[in-house]
Amino acid sequence: MTLHTRRSLLAIAAAGIGNLMLPKALIAIKAEDLPKPDLKLGLFSDINSSYGSTNYIPAVKEGIDLILSKKPDQVICAGDMIAAQKIGLSPAQLDAMWDSFYRQVLKPIRTAGQPFIFSLGNHDASSIKATSGYQFEADRAAAIRFWQPQKEKLGLSYIDSNGFPFYYTALVNNIFWLIWDASSAEISAQQQNWVREQLASPIARKAKLRIALGHLPLRGISRGRDQPGEVLNQANQLQQILENGDIHAYISGHQHAYYPARLGRLDLIQLGAAGSGPRQLLMSNQPPRQSITFLDIYWQQREIVESSYQFPGAKQINWDNLPNSLPSRNGPLMRRLSNRSSIF
């Protein structure tokens, strides 16, 4: 299929016709009907429970177990791994939460041998500024204490890790990963310049695929989260930076609802919460649900196939039951036509 044809189909969706005129090749397909991919990625986000908790709800273990059972080539987390962002939590409490995350989540992933790529969320190490420094300095210090010793144990080939664990780039299985600090709504001008430089580098340009990862999204998709402070500021500018750098997809969390969208030249893979507090999509009557997601990559076909599973029960989410569009306050957001996406 030509690029012109694909763009025409996108225009059809934007006109509200939906999937009625789609060729069979673009209708959503089930994961079990697919051939073995060249790469499989397992994705999750927002596993934290109540403030200070060192425990995770059963759905988190169920989701991680499903990811590991599929034997992915990479495991990706879009943030909120612990339950901080509360003034008064002691360093000992923060360290205990990270220790629990290691035992219950990170250790099983690394024991299975999968590289682990992550971004920090607002409940991990919020970058909200205070009069002097950061409002949650203790959270950010605890994140450094935990992640620096893990840095060389994650199975990643770093390109630039000077800002680790808050922002970094890595090359894994021919995918160039750009992780920025989207733990609050503000991506600083300094970090935006860093993103431009990283995406213009020869390593980024030669990679087969470029993906960005951060916690807060470019658009709000869930009830109670489509508002300032819950999405990235200067979203249009940030979108342009990613598009100019030939980023194929931006993976995010924070909205606690799953929605696969297309925004300009970007796939938006907005992950649902695997842990506490799932939310309803905007204008949707479907109940909230925990979920995890897989991306199957086919190099020869230049395609990515996306599938998500809800919990409890690990039932695959029906793509066609997701709303065709959402009325985000920053502009309408269209669901991608199919769970098959071309890597242009």
Protein backbone atom coordinates (compact mmCIF):
# COMPACT_ATOMS: atom_id res chain seq x y z
CA MET A 1 0.00 0.00 0.00
CA THR A 2 1.36 3.40 -0.92
CA LEU A 3 1.91 6.23 1.53
CA HIS A 4 -0.73 8.24 -0.37
CA THR A 5 -3.29 5.48 0.14
CA ARG A 6 -2.57 5.26 3.86
CA ARG A 7 -2.92 9.01 4.28
CA SER A 8 -6.20 8.87 2.37
CA LEU A 9 -7.48 6.27 4.80
CA LEU A 10 -6.51 8.51 7.69
CA ALA A 11 -8.52 11.28 6.09
CA ILE A 12 -11.50 8.92 5.86
CA ALA A 13 -11.30 8.27 9.60
CA ALA A 14 -11.06 11.98 10.34
CA ALA A 15 -14.24 12.52 8.34
CA GLY A 16 -16.01 10.15 10.72
CA ILE A 17 -16.52 7.22 8.35
CA GLY A 18 -14.51 4.97 10.65
CA ASN A 19 -13.64 1.45 9.62
CA LEU A 20 -16.50 0.87 7.15
CA MET A 21 -14.34 1.28 4.05
CA LEU A 22 -11.12 -0.28 5.33
CA PRO A 23 -9.46 -3.05 3.34
CA LYS A 24 -9.18 -6.33 5.23
CA ALA A 25 -5.43 -5.80 5.70
CA LEU A 26 -6.14 -2.85 7.99
CA ILE A 27 -8.92 -4.35 10.09
CA ALA A 28 -7.79 -5.01 13.67
CA ILE A 29 -6.46 -8.53 14.05
CA LYS A 30 -5.93 -10.74 17.07
CA ALA A 31 -2.44 -11.42 18.39
CA GLU A 32 -2.88 -15.19 18.13
CA ASP A 33 -3.56 -14.87 14.37
CA LEU A 34 -0.19 -13.25 13.68
CA PRO A 35 3.08 -14.85 12.59
CA LYS A 36 6.08 -14.61 14.92
CA PRO A 37 7.31 -10.99 14.97
CA ASP A 38 10.92 -9.92 14.60
CA LEU A 39 10.60 -8.08 17.91
CA LYS A 40 8.01 -8.14 20.68
CA LEU A 41 7.77 -5.30 23.21
CA GLY A 42 5.84 -5.58 26.48
CA LEU A 43 4.50 -2.27 27.84
CA PHE A 44 3.00 -1.26 31.18
CA SER A 45 2.48 1.88 33.24
CA ASP A 46 1.06 3.28 36.49
CA ILE A 47 1.40 0.32 38.81
CA ASN A 48 1.50 2.29 42.08
CA SER A 49 -1.05 2.01 44.88
CA SER A 50 -1.88 4.56 47.61
CA TYR A 51 0.75 7.04 48.86
CA GLY A 52 3.63 5.31 50.60
CA SER A 53 2.47 1.81 49.75
CA THR A 54 5.03 -0.94 49.24
CA ASN A 55 2.40 -3.33 47.90
CA TYR A 56 0.85 -3.73 44.45
CA ILE A 57 -2.67 -4.90 43.64
CA PRO A 58 -3.02 -8.43 42.18
CA ALA A 59 -3.63 -7.07 38.66
CA VAL A 60 -0.04 -5.81 38.57
CA LYS A 61 1.41 -9.29 39.11
CA GLU A 62 -1.09 -10.70 36.62
CA GLY A 63 -0.02 -8.15 34.03
CA ILE A 64 3.72 -8.63 34.59
CA ASP A 65 3.26 -12.41 34.49
CA LEU A 66 1.46 -12.13 31.14
CA ILE A 67 4.23 -9.92 29.74
CA LEU A 68 6.92 -12.37 30.83
CA SER A 69 4.96 -15.35 29.51
CA LYS A 70 5.12 -13.82 26.01
CA LYS A 71 8.92 -13.63 26.26
CA PRO A 72 9.28 -10.12 24.84
CA ASP A 73 12.58 -8.76 23.54
CA GLN A 74 12.16 -5.58 25.58
CA VAL A 75 9.99 -4.46 28.51
CA ILE A 76 8.96 -0.81 28.72
CA CYS A 77 7.40 1.14 31.60
CA ALA A 78 5.94 4.63 31.19
CA GLY A 79 6.29 5.59 34.84
CA ASP A 80 4.60 5.66 38.25
CA MET A 81 6.38 2.61 39.57
CA ILE A 82 6.13 3.68 43.22
CA ALA A 83 3.68 5.76 45.29
CA ALA A 84 5.58 8.92 46.23
CA GLN A 85 4.79 12.61 45.50
CA LYS A 86 3.64 13.25 49.04
CA ILE A 87 5.42 15.75 51.28
CA GLY A 88 6.60 14.09 54.49
CA LEU A 89 7.59 10.68 53.14
CA SER A 90 10.97 9.91 54.69
CA PRO A 91 14.04 8.73 52.75
CA ALA A 92 13.59 5.34 54.43
CA GLN A 93 9.99 5.11 53.19
CA LEU A 94 11.00 6.13 49.67
CA ASP A 95 13.83 3.58 49.62
CA ALA A 96 11.43 0.88 50.89
CA MET A 97 9.07 1.55 47.99
CA TRP A 98 11.87 1.27 45.46
CA ASP A 99 13.13 -1.90 47.14
CA SER A 100 9.63 -3.37 46.83
CA PHE A 101 9.49 -2.40 43.15
CA TYR A 102 12.79 -4.18 42.63
CA ARG A 103 11.67 -7.39 44.32
CA GLN A 104 8.20 -7.59 42.80
CA VAL A 105 8.68 -6.09 39.33
CA LEU A 106 12.20 -5.32 38.16
CA LYS A 107 13.95 -8.46 39.43
CA PRO A 108 11.56 -10.89 37.66
CA ILE A 109 11.96 -8.93 34.42
CA ARG A 110 15.74 -8.89 34.57
CA THR A 111 15.91 -12.52 35.75
CA ALA A 112 14.02 -13.42 32.57
CA GLY A 113 16.71 -11.55 30.61
CA GLN A 114 14.63 -8.76 29.08
CA PRO A 115 16.14 -5.28 28.69
CA PHE A 116 14.14 -2.78 30.76
CA ILE A 117 13.44 0.74 29.48
CA PHE A 118 11.60 3.19 31.74
CA SER A 119 10.55 6.76 32.23
CA LEU A 120 9.94 8.32 35.63
CA GLY A 121 6.42 9.40 36.56
CA ASN A 122 5.09 12.09 38.86
CA HIS A 123 4.75 9.51 41.66
CA ASP A 124 8.37 8.42 41.14
CA ALA A 125 10.27 11.70 40.93
CA SER A 126 8.10 14.68 40.04
CA SER A 127 9.91 17.55 38.31
CA ILE A 128 7.48 20.21 39.56
CA LYS A 129 9.58 23.25 40.44
CA ALA A 130 9.62 25.02 43.78
CA THR A 131 10.99 28.46 44.68
CA SER A 132 14.41 26.87 44.87
CA GLY A 133 14.97 23.55 43.13
CA TYR A 134 12.26 20.91 42.92
CA GLN A 135 9.18 20.57 45.11
CA PHE A 136 9.86 16.86 45.54
CA GLU A 137 13.63 16.88 45.93
CA ALA A 138 13.52 13.88 48.27
CA ASP A 139 11.69 11.81 45.64
CA ARG A 140 14.23 12.68 42.98
CA ALA A 141 17.14 11.94 45.31
CA ALA A 142 15.62 8.53 46.11
CA ALA A 143 15.21 7.82 42.39
CA ILE A 144 18.92 8.52 41.88
CA ARG A 145 19.85 6.30 44.84
CA PHE A 146 17.87 3.42 43.39
CA TRP A 147 18.51 3.73 39.65
CA GLN A 148 22.19 4.62 39.47
CA PRO A 149 23.28 1.18 40.78
CA GLN A 150 20.83 -0.42 38.33
CA LYS A 151 22.01 1.57 35.32
CA GLU A 152 24.41 -1.00 33.88
CA LYS A 153 22.14 -3.92 34.80
CA LEU A 154 19.19 -3.00 32.57
CA GLY A 155 20.50 -4.50 29.33
CA LEU A 156 20.61 -1.16 27.50
CA SER A 157 23.20 0.29 25.11
CA TYR A 158 23.16 3.94 26.15
CA ILE A 159 23.80 6.71 23.66
CA ASP A 160 23.57 9.61 26.13
CA SER A 161 22.99 8.84 29.80
CA ASN A 162 24.26 12.05 31.38
CA GLY A 163 20.72 12.83 32.57
CA PHE A 164 19.95 9.30 33.76
CA PRO A 165 17.55 8.30 35.31
CA PHE A 166 15.49 11.34 34.38
CA TYR A 167 16.27 11.48 30.66
CA TYR A 168 18.50 9.41 28.40
CA THR A 169 18.78 7.74 24.99
CA ALA A 170 19.57 4.13 24.17
CA LEU A 171 19.78 1.82 21.17
CA VAL A 172 18.18 -1.59 21.70
CA ASN A 173 17.50 -4.10 18.88
CA ASN A 174 17.74 -1.36 16.21
CA ILE A 175 15.26 0.87 18.06
CA PHE A 176 16.46 4.31 19.09
CA TRP A 177 14.79 5.13 22.40
CA LEU A 178 14.41 8.74 23.54
CA ILE A 179 13.30 9.06 27.16
CA TRP A 180 12.54 12.54 28.41
CA ASP A 181 11.60 13.79 31.87
CA ALA A 182 7.82 14.10 31.56
CA SER A 183 7.23 13.61 35.29
CA SER A 184 5.49 16.97 35.32
CA ALA A 185 3.83 19.09 32.63
CA GLU A 186 6.97 21.06 31.75
CA ILE A 187 9.72 19.90 29.41
CA SER A 188 12.42 22.53 29.89
CA ALA A 189 13.95 24.49 27.02
CA GLN A 190 17.31 22.89 27.86
CA GLN A 191 15.82 19.43 27.56
CA GLN A 192 14.01 20.32 24.32
CA ASN A 193 17.36 21.33 22.83
CA TRP A 194 18.84 18.05 24.04
CA VAL A 195 16.01 16.16 22.32
CA ARG A 196 16.69 17.96 19.02
CA GLU A 197 20.39 17.13 19.25
CA GLN A 198 19.76 13.47 20.06
CA LEU A 199 17.29 12.98 17.23
CA ALA A 200 19.66 14.63 14.75
CA SER A 201 22.56 12.33 15.70
CA PRO A 202 23.87 9.78 13.16
CA ILE A 203 22.92 6.90 15.47
CA ALA A 204 19.32 8.08 15.68
CA ARG A 205 19.11 8.64 11.93
CA LYS A 206 20.47 5.16 11.14
CA ALA A 207 18.17 3.30 13.54
CA LYS A 208 15.37 1.28 11.98
CA LEU A 209 12.82 2.84 14.33
CA ARG A 210 12.70 5.81 16.72
CA ILE A 211 10.36 5.82 19.73
CA ALA A 212 9.91 8.43 22.47
CA LEU A 213 8.87 7.54 26.01
CA GLY A 214 7.59 9.75 28.81
CA HIS A 215 4.98 9.77 31.55
CA LEU A 216 2.67 12.71 30.80
CA PRO A 217 0.99 12.65 27.37
CA LEU A 218 0.53 15.23 24.63
CA ARG A 219 -3.27 14.97 24.86
CA GLY A 220 -5.75 14.19 27.63
CA ILE A 221 -7.90 11.11 27.10
CA SER A 222 -9.52 10.25 30.45
CA ARG A 223 -12.11 11.76 32.74
CA GLY A 224 -10.53 14.09 35.27
CA ARG A 225 -7.16 14.14 33.51
CA ASP A 226 -7.91 16.26 30.42
CA GLN A 227 -6.76 19.47 32.05
CA PRO A 228 -3.68 21.64 32.64
CA GLY A 229 -1.01 19.93 34.72
CA GLU A 230 -2.14 16.48 33.58
CA VAL A 231 -0.83 16.84 30.01
CA LEU A 232 2.40 18.33 28.70
CA ASN A 233 2.63 22.09 28.28
CA GLN A 234 3.57 23.38 24.82
CA ALA A 235 2.20 20.14 23.40
CA ASN A 236 2.09 21.40 19.82
CA GLN A 237 5.73 22.50 20.00
CA LEU A 238 6.80 19.19 21.53
CA GLN A 239 4.87 17.28 18.87
CA GLN A 240 6.70 19.21 16.17
CA ILE A 241 10.08 18.44 17.75
CA LEU A 242 9.29 14.72 17.76
CA GLU A 243 7.95 14.78 14.20
CA ASN A 244 10.97 16.72 12.92
CA GLY A 245 13.16 14.04 14.49
CA ASP A 246 11.25 11.26 12.68
CA ILE A 247 9.90 9.76 15.88
CA HIS A 248 7.34 7.12 14.95
CA ALA A 249 5.51 6.81 18.27
CA TYR A 250 5.24 8.51 21.65
CA ILE A 251 4.46 6.11 24.51
CA SER A 252 3.00 7.68 27.65
CA GLY A 253 1.03 6.88 30.79
CA HIS A 254 -0.55 9.00 33.55
CA GLN A 255 -4.08 9.11 32.10
CA HIS A 256 -4.87 5.65 33.56
CA ALA A 257 -6.76 4.69 30.40
CA TYR A 258 -5.70 2.96 27.21
CA TYR A 259 -6.17 4.70 23.87
CA PRO A 260 -4.19 4.26 20.61
CA ALA A 261 -4.35 7.48 18.60
CA ARG A 262 -2.80 9.21 15.62
CA LEU A 263 -1.70 12.83 15.97
CA GLY A 264 -0.09 14.36 12.89
CA ARG A 265 2.75 12.01 11.99
CA LEU A 266 2.90 10.43 15.46
CA ASP A 267 1.34 7.29 16.82
CA LEU A 268 0.26 8.03 20.40
CA ILE A 269 0.35 4.87 22.49
CA GLN A 270 -1.37 5.97 25.69
CA LEU A 271 -1.10 3.14 28.19
CA GLY A 272 -3.71 2.25 30.75
CA ALA A 273 -2.97 1.81 34.43
CA ALA A 274 -1.79 -1.65 35.39
CA GLY A 275 -2.23 -0.72 39.05
CA SER A 276 -4.73 1.20 41.16
CA GLY A 277 -7.10 3.87 39.90
CA PRO A 278 -7.97 3.06 36.26
CA ARG A 279 -10.12 5.74 34.63
CA GLN A 280 -12.82 5.95 32.01
CA LEU A 281 -12.05 7.42 28.62
CA LEU A 282 -13.63 10.77 27.81
CA MET A 283 -17.23 10.38 26.61
CA SER A 284 -17.14 6.62 27.16
CA ASN A 285 -19.55 4.54 29.22
CA GLN A 286 -17.23 1.55 29.33
CA PRO A 287 -16.01 0.79 32.86
CA PRO A 288 -12.39 1.56 33.75
CA ARG A 289 -9.97 -1.35 33.54
CA GLN A 290 -6.35 -2.22 34.24
CA SER A 291 -4.37 -3.08 31.12
CA ILE A 292 -0.99 -3.87 29.59
CA THR A 293 0.07 -3.63 25.93
CA PHE A 294 2.27 -5.44 23.41
CA LEU A 295 3.90 -4.14 20.23
CA ASP A 296 4.91 -6.71 17.60
CA ILE A 297 7.43 -5.35 15.10
CA TYR A 298 7.88 -6.77 11.58
CA TRP A 299 10.93 -5.27 9.87
CA GLN A 300 10.34 -6.64 6.37
CA GLN A 301 6.70 -5.55 6.30
CA ARG A 302 7.62 -2.24 8.00
CA GLU A 303 4.72 -2.68 10.40
CA ILE A 304 3.93 -2.58 14.10
CA VAL A 305 0.96 -4.55 15.41
CA GLU A 306 -0.48 -3.44 18.76
CA SER A 307 -2.54 -5.51 21.19
CA SER A 308 -3.71 -4.79 24.73
CA TYR A 309 -5.16 -6.93 27.51
CA GLN A 310 -7.45 -5.97 30.36
CA PHE A 311 -7.37 -7.31 33.91
CA PRO A 312 -8.43 -9.29 35.76
CA GLY A 313 -8.73 -12.09 33.24
CA ALA A 314 -6.19 -11.06 30.58
CA LYS A 315 -8.87 -10.63 27.89
CA GLN A 316 -7.70 -8.87 24.72
CA ILE A 317 -9.25 -5.43 24.31
CA ASN A 318 -11.41 -5.19 21.19
CA TRP A 319 -9.94 -2.41 19.05
CA ASP A 320 -13.28 -1.64 17.42
CA ASN A 321 -14.91 -1.06 20.81
CA LEU A 322 -12.61 1.89 21.48
CA PRO A 323 -14.13 5.29 20.57
CA ASN A 324 -13.35 6.48 17.04
CA SER A 325 -12.42 9.88 18.48
CA LEU A 326 -12.08 11.73 21.78
CA PRO A 327 -12.88 15.42 22.37
CA SER A 328 -9.59 16.36 24.04
CA ARG A 329 -9.49 19.98 25.23
CA ASN A 330 -6.42 20.60 23.05
CA GLY A 331 -8.19 19.34 19.94
CA PRO A 332 -9.98 16.17 18.84
CA LEU A 333 -7.96 13.00 18.94
CA MET A 334 -8.59 10.23 16.42
CA ARG A 335 -8.20 6.55 17.18
CA ARG A 336 -5.85 4.85 14.74
CA LEU A 337 -7.73 2.97 12.04
CA SER A 338 -6.23 -0.38 12.88
CA ASN A 339 -3.89 -2.07 15.31
CA ARG A 340 -1.49 -2.32 12.36
CA SER A 341 0.71 0.74 11.91
CA SER A 342 3.19 1.33 9.09
CA ILE A 343 6.74 2.42 9.86
CA PHE A 344 7.24 4.99 7.10
